Amino acid sequence: QVQLVESGGGLVQPRGSLRLSCAASGIIFSAYTMDWYRQAPGKQRALVAVITGGGSTNYTDSVKGRFTISRDNAKNTVYLQMNSLKPEDAALYYCHAVYRSIAQWGQGTQGTVSS
């Protein structure tokens, strides 16, 4: 059974940092492209960052230079390091795993940015 479990969310002040983790089980992790999405209240879920099985990364423009996606295939875990956080980064952050036609979502972890 495929399972993605996010952790690391919380409350942080503007310009602070959070590190999200997503632990995967039930998949050949290294074969999957792993994504982070986020959804703010009243908005659609949006792609934040992508990392392929080979380690290539891509980011939405609004987080470039502030967020870093990485993965540890030995631990079946993908990370999202978020620095210089802004109030507009506050959202429910979802982990997403994709391999060919197979896709799986985690349950989400809340990141709140507020002074």
N, C-alpha and C. Protein backbone atom coordinates (compact mmCIF):
# COMPACT_ATOMS: atom_id res chain seq x y z
N GLN A 1 0.84 -1.18 0.00
CA GLN A 1 0.00 0.00 0.00
C GLN A 1 0.88 1.24 0.00
N VAL A 2 0.60 2.14 -0.94
CA VAL A 2 1.38 3.37 -1.06
C VAL A 2 0.95 4.35 0.02
N GLN A 3 1.93 4.94 0.68
CA GLN A 3 1.63 5.91 1.72
C GLN A 3 2.67 7.02 1.69
N LEU A 4 2.19 8.26 1.77
CA LEU A 4 3.05 9.43 1.88
C LEU A 4 2.66 10.17 3.16
N VAL A 5 3.62 10.42 4.01
CA VAL A 5 3.34 11.06 5.29
C VAL A 5 4.20 12.31 5.41
N GLU A 6 3.54 13.47 5.42
CA GLU A 6 4.25 14.74 5.56
C GLU A 6 4.40 15.12 7.03
N SER A 7 5.43 15.88 7.29
CA SER A 7 5.66 16.43 8.63
C SER A 7 6.49 17.69 8.50
N GLY A 8 6.59 18.43 9.59
CA GLY A 8 7.45 19.61 9.61
C GLY A 8 6.74 20.93 9.51
N GLY A 9 5.44 20.91 9.31
CA GLY A 9 4.71 22.16 9.25
C GLY A 9 4.63 22.82 10.62
N GLY A 10 4.18 24.06 10.61
CA GLY A 10 4.05 24.77 11.88
C GLY A 10 3.85 26.25 11.65
N LEU A 11 3.98 27.00 12.73
CA LEU A 11 3.83 28.45 12.70
C LEU A 11 5.21 29.09 12.75
N VAL A 12 5.44 30.02 11.84
CA VAL A 12 6.72 30.71 11.79
C VAL A 12 6.47 32.18 11.46
N GLN A 13 7.35 33.03 11.92
CA GLN A 13 7.23 34.45 11.62
C GLN A 13 7.75 34.74 10.22
N PRO A 14 7.30 35.82 9.63
CA PRO A 14 7.85 36.21 8.33
C PRO A 14 9.38 36.28 8.38
N ARG A 15 9.99 35.86 7.29
CA ARG A 15 11.45 35.75 7.14
C ARG A 15 12.02 34.54 7.87
N GLY A 16 11.16 33.74 8.47
CA GLY A 16 11.61 32.52 9.12
C GLY A 16 11.72 31.36 8.16
N SER A 17 11.99 30.17 8.71
CA SER A 17 12.21 28.97 7.91
C SER A 17 11.40 27.80 8.44
N LEU A 18 11.07 26.92 7.54
CA LEU A 18 10.47 25.63 7.87
C LEU A 18 11.09 24.58 6.97
N ARG A 19 11.19 23.36 7.48
CA ARG A 19 11.65 22.24 6.66
C ARG A 19 10.58 21.15 6.69
N LEU A 20 9.98 20.92 5.55
CA LEU A 20 8.97 19.88 5.43
C LEU A 20 9.62 18.58 5.00
N SER A 21 9.07 17.48 5.50
CA SER A 21 9.53 16.16 5.11
C SER A 21 8.34 15.34 4.64
N CYS A 22 8.60 14.42 3.73
CA CYS A 22 7.57 13.50 3.25
C CYS A 22 8.20 12.12 3.17
N ALA A 23 7.74 11.23 4.01
CA ALA A 23 8.25 9.86 4.04
C ALA A 23 7.33 8.97 3.22
N ALA A 24 7.91 8.24 2.28
CA ALA A 24 7.13 7.38 1.38
C ALA A 24 7.34 5.92 1.75
N SER A 25 6.29 5.15 1.57
CA SER A 25 6.38 3.70 1.75
C SER A 25 5.49 3.04 0.70
N GLY A 26 5.84 1.80 0.39
CA GLY A 26 5.03 1.05 -0.56
C GLY A 26 5.32 1.34 -2.02
N ILE A 27 6.40 2.10 -2.28
CA ILE A 27 6.78 2.40 -3.66
C ILE A 27 8.28 2.22 -3.83
N ILE A 28 8.70 2.06 -5.09
CA ILE A 28 10.14 2.10 -5.40
C ILE A 28 10.49 3.58 -5.50
N PHE A 29 10.86 4.15 -4.39
CA PHE A 29 10.94 5.60 -4.24
C PHE A 29 11.83 6.25 -5.30
N SER A 30 12.96 5.63 -5.58
CA SER A 30 13.92 6.26 -6.49
C SER A 30 13.38 6.41 -7.91
N ALA A 31 12.35 5.66 -8.24
CA ALA A 31 11.78 5.73 -9.59
C ALA A 31 10.77 6.86 -9.74
N TYR A 32 10.33 7.40 -8.63
CA TYR A 32 9.24 8.37 -8.65
C TYR A 32 9.76 9.81 -8.72
N THR A 33 9.08 10.61 -9.50
CA THR A 33 9.21 12.05 -9.41
C THR A 33 8.37 12.50 -8.21
N MET A 34 8.98 13.33 -7.38
CA MET A 34 8.31 13.80 -6.17
C MET A 34 8.07 15.31 -6.27
N ASP A 35 6.87 15.71 -5.89
CA ASP A 35 6.49 17.12 -5.98
C ASP A 35 6.00 17.60 -4.62
N TRP A 36 6.10 18.91 -4.43
CA TRP A 36 5.39 19.58 -3.35
C TRP A 36 4.39 20.54 -3.98
N TYR A 37 3.16 20.46 -3.51
CA TYR A 37 2.10 21.38 -3.89
C TYR A 37 1.67 22.14 -2.63
N ARG A 38 0.95 23.23 -2.84
CA ARG A 38 0.36 23.93 -1.70
C ARG A 38 -1.01 24.47 -2.09
N GLN A 39 -1.84 24.62 -1.07
CA GLN A 39 -3.17 25.15 -1.28
C GLN A 39 -3.50 26.09 -0.14
N ALA A 40 -3.70 27.34 -0.50
CA ALA A 40 -4.10 28.35 0.47
C ALA A 40 -5.63 28.43 0.48
N PRO A 41 -6.21 28.93 1.57
CA PRO A 41 -7.67 29.04 1.64
C PRO A 41 -8.24 29.83 0.48
N GLY A 42 -9.25 29.27 -0.18
CA GLY A 42 -9.90 29.94 -1.29
C GLY A 42 -9.16 29.88 -2.61
N LYS A 43 -8.02 29.16 -2.63
CA LYS A 43 -7.23 29.08 -3.86
C LYS A 43 -7.07 27.63 -4.29
N GLN A 44 -6.71 27.47 -5.55
CA GLN A 44 -6.49 26.13 -6.07
C GLN A 44 -5.14 25.59 -5.60
N ARG A 45 -5.05 24.28 -5.57
CA ARG A 45 -3.77 23.64 -5.25
C ARG A 45 -2.79 23.96 -6.38
N ALA A 46 -1.57 24.33 -6.01
CA ALA A 46 -0.59 24.76 -7.00
C ALA A 46 0.75 24.07 -6.76
N LEU A 47 1.43 23.79 -7.85
CA LEU A 47 2.73 23.16 -7.79
C LEU A 47 3.77 24.14 -7.25
N VAL A 48 4.60 23.66 -6.33
CA VAL A 48 5.64 24.49 -5.74
C VAL A 48 7.02 24.09 -6.24
N ALA A 49 7.31 22.78 -6.18
CA ALA A 49 8.64 22.31 -6.53
C ALA A 49 8.56 20.86 -6.96
N VAL A 50 9.51 20.49 -7.81
CA VAL A 50 9.57 19.13 -8.37
C VAL A 50 11.01 18.63 -8.28
N ILE A 51 11.15 17.33 -8.00
CA ILE A 51 12.46 16.69 -8.08
C ILE A 51 12.26 15.33 -8.72
N THR A 52 13.03 15.07 -9.77
CA THR A 52 12.92 13.79 -10.45
C THR A 52 13.71 12.72 -9.69
N GLY A 53 13.56 11.48 -10.14
CA GLY A 53 14.33 10.41 -9.52
C GLY A 53 15.82 10.62 -9.66
N GLY A 54 16.23 11.29 -10.73
CA GLY A 54 17.63 11.57 -10.97
C GLY A 54 18.14 12.81 -10.27
N GLY A 55 17.24 13.54 -9.62
CA GLY A 55 17.64 14.70 -8.84
C GLY A 55 17.49 16.05 -9.52
N SER A 56 16.94 16.07 -10.71
CA SER A 56 16.68 17.36 -11.37
C SER A 56 15.53 18.06 -10.67
N THR A 57 15.66 19.37 -10.54
CA THR A 57 14.67 20.14 -9.79
C THR A 57 14.08 21.27 -10.62
N ASN A 58 12.90 21.69 -10.20
CA ASN A 58 12.26 22.85 -10.82
C ASN A 58 11.35 23.48 -9.77
N TYR A 59 11.16 24.79 -9.90
CA TYR A 59 10.40 25.54 -8.90
C TYR A 59 9.45 26.52 -9.57
N THR A 60 8.35 26.78 -8.90
CA THR A 60 7.52 27.88 -9.35
C THR A 60 8.25 29.18 -9.08
N ASP A 61 8.00 30.18 -9.91
CA ASP A 61 8.80 31.41 -9.85
C ASP A 61 8.77 32.08 -8.48
N SER A 62 7.64 32.02 -7.80
CA SER A 62 7.50 32.77 -6.54
C SER A 62 8.36 32.23 -5.41
N VAL A 63 8.91 31.02 -5.54
CA VAL A 63 9.72 30.46 -4.47
C VAL A 63 11.18 30.27 -4.87
N LYS A 64 11.51 30.56 -6.10
CA LYS A 64 12.90 30.39 -6.56
C LYS A 64 13.84 31.24 -5.71
N GLY A 65 14.93 30.62 -5.29
CA GLY A 65 15.90 31.31 -4.45
C GLY A 65 15.59 31.26 -2.97
N ARG A 66 14.38 30.82 -2.62
CA ARG A 66 13.99 30.74 -1.20
C ARG A 66 13.75 29.30 -0.75
N PHE A 67 13.20 28.48 -1.64
CA PHE A 67 12.86 27.09 -1.31
C PHE A 67 13.84 26.16 -2.01
N THR A 68 14.12 25.04 -1.36
CA THR A 68 14.97 24.00 -1.94
C THR A 68 14.32 22.64 -1.73
N ILE A 69 14.11 21.93 -2.82
CA ILE A 69 13.60 20.57 -2.74
C ILE A 69 14.78 19.60 -2.85
N SER A 70 14.74 18.54 -2.05
CA SER A 70 15.81 17.54 -2.09
C SER A 70 15.20 16.19 -1.74
N ARG A 71 15.97 15.16 -1.97
CA ARG A 71 15.47 13.82 -1.66
C ARG A 71 16.61 12.95 -1.16
N ASP A 72 16.25 11.99 -0.33
CA ASP A 72 17.19 10.98 0.17
C ASP A 72 16.59 9.64 -0.19
N ASN A 73 17.06 9.06 -1.26
CA ASN A 73 16.47 7.80 -1.72
C ASN A 73 16.71 6.65 -0.75
N ALA A 74 17.77 6.74 0.04
CA ALA A 74 18.03 5.69 1.03
C ALA A 74 17.00 5.72 2.16
N LYS A 75 16.44 6.91 2.40
CA LYS A 75 15.44 7.06 3.46
C LYS A 75 14.02 7.17 2.92
N ASN A 76 13.87 7.07 1.59
CA ASN A 76 12.54 7.20 0.97
C ASN A 76 11.85 8.49 1.40
N THR A 77 12.60 9.56 1.43
CA THR A 77 12.08 10.83 1.94
C THR A 77 12.43 11.98 1.01
N VAL A 78 11.47 12.87 0.84
CA VAL A 78 11.69 14.10 0.09
C VAL A 78 11.49 15.26 1.06
N TYR A 79 12.27 16.32 0.86
CA TYR A 79 12.26 17.47 1.76
C TYR A 79 11.93 18.74 0.98
N LEU A 80 11.41 19.71 1.71
CA LEU A 80 11.26 21.05 1.17
C LEU A 80 11.75 22.02 2.22
N GLN A 81 12.92 22.60 1.98
CA GLN A 81 13.47 23.62 2.85
C GLN A 81 12.93 24.96 2.41
N MET A 82 12.24 25.64 3.30
CA MET A 82 11.60 26.91 2.96
C MET A 82 12.22 28.01 3.81
N ASN A 83 12.90 28.93 3.17
CA ASN A 83 13.55 30.05 3.85
C ASN A 83 12.91 31.37 3.44
N SER A 84 13.19 32.38 4.21
CA SER A 84 12.67 33.73 3.93
C SER A 84 11.17 33.69 3.67
N LEU A 85 10.46 33.04 4.54
CA LEU A 85 9.03 32.83 4.34
C LEU A 85 8.26 34.14 4.40
N LYS A 86 7.24 34.20 3.58
CA LYS A 86 6.36 35.36 3.48
C LYS A 86 4.94 34.95 3.88
N PRO A 87 4.14 35.89 4.28
CA PRO A 87 2.75 35.54 4.63
C PRO A 87 2.03 34.82 3.50
N GLU A 88 2.34 35.15 2.27
CA GLU A 88 1.67 34.50 1.13
C GLU A 88 2.12 33.06 0.91
N ASP A 89 3.13 32.61 1.66
CA ASP A 89 3.54 31.20 1.59
C ASP A 89 2.69 30.32 2.50
N ALA A 90 1.87 30.92 3.34
CA ALA A 90 1.03 30.14 4.25
C ALA A 90 0.05 29.30 3.46
N ALA A 91 0.04 28.00 3.73
CA ALA A 91 -0.81 27.09 2.97
C ALA A 91 -0.73 25.70 3.58
N LEU A 92 -1.60 24.85 3.07
CA LEU A 92 -1.48 23.42 3.36
C LEU A 92 -0.57 22.83 2.28
N TYR A 93 0.52 22.24 2.69
CA TYR A 93 1.52 21.72 1.77
C TYR A 93 1.35 20.20 1.62
N TYR A 94 1.27 19.78 0.36
CA TYR A 94 1.05 18.38 0.04
C TYR A 94 2.26 17.79 -0.68
N CYS A 95 2.58 16.58 -0.33
CA CYS A 95 3.56 15.78 -1.03
C CYS A 95 2.84 14.96 -2.11
N HIS A 96 3.50 14.77 -3.23
CA HIS A 96 2.87 14.09 -4.38
C HIS A 96 3.92 13.25 -5.06
N ALA A 97 3.58 12.00 -5.32
CA ALA A 97 4.50 11.07 -5.98
C ALA A 97 3.93 10.65 -7.32
N VAL A 98 4.77 10.66 -8.34
CA VAL A 98 4.31 10.33 -9.69
C VAL A 98 5.28 9.38 -10.36
N TYR A 99 4.72 8.34 -10.96
CA TYR A 99 5.50 7.43 -11.80
C TYR A 99 4.61 6.95 -12.92
N ARG A 100 4.92 7.36 -14.12
CA ARG A 100 4.09 7.06 -15.29
C ARG A 100 2.65 7.47 -14.99
N SER A 101 1.71 6.55 -14.98
CA SER A 101 0.30 6.89 -14.77
C SER A 101 -0.10 6.78 -13.30
N ILE A 102 0.85 6.49 -12.44
CA ILE A 102 0.55 6.32 -11.02
C ILE A 102 0.83 7.61 -10.28
N ALA A 103 -0.12 8.03 -9.47
CA ALA A 103 0.06 9.25 -8.68
C ALA A 103 -0.53 9.04 -7.29
N GLN A 104 0.13 9.60 -6.30
CA GLN A 104 -0.31 9.43 -4.92
C GLN A 104 -0.10 10.74 -4.17
N TRP A 105 -1.06 11.11 -3.33
CA TRP A 105 -0.98 12.32 -2.52
C TRP A 105 -0.81 11.97 -1.04
N GLY A 106 -0.11 12.83 -0.35
CA GLY A 106 -0.09 12.76 1.09
C GLY A 106 -1.28 13.52 1.66
N GLN A 107 -1.35 13.55 2.99
CA GLN A 107 -2.51 14.16 3.65
C GLN A 107 -2.33 15.64 3.88
N GLY A 108 -1.12 16.14 3.74
CA GLY A 108 -0.85 17.56 3.87
C GLY A 108 -0.31 17.93 5.23
N THR A 109 0.47 19.00 5.26
CA THR A 109 0.96 19.56 6.50
C THR A 109 0.84 21.07 6.41
N GLN A 110 0.38 21.70 7.48
CA GLN A 110 0.06 23.12 7.45
C GLN A 110 1.28 23.97 7.74
N GLY A 111 1.52 24.93 6.88
CA GLY A 111 2.54 25.92 7.14
C GLY A 111 1.88 27.28 7.31
N THR A 112 2.10 27.91 8.45
CA THR A 112 1.48 29.19 8.75
C THR A 112 2.57 30.23 8.95
N VAL A 113 2.45 31.35 8.28
CA VAL A 113 3.43 32.43 8.37
C VAL A 113 2.71 33.66 8.90
N SER A 114 3.05 34.03 10.11
CA SER A 114 2.34 35.15 10.74
C SER A 114 3.19 35.73 11.85
N SER A 115 3.09 37.05 12.00
CA SER A 115 3.79 37.69 13.10
C SER A 115 2.87 37.81 14.32
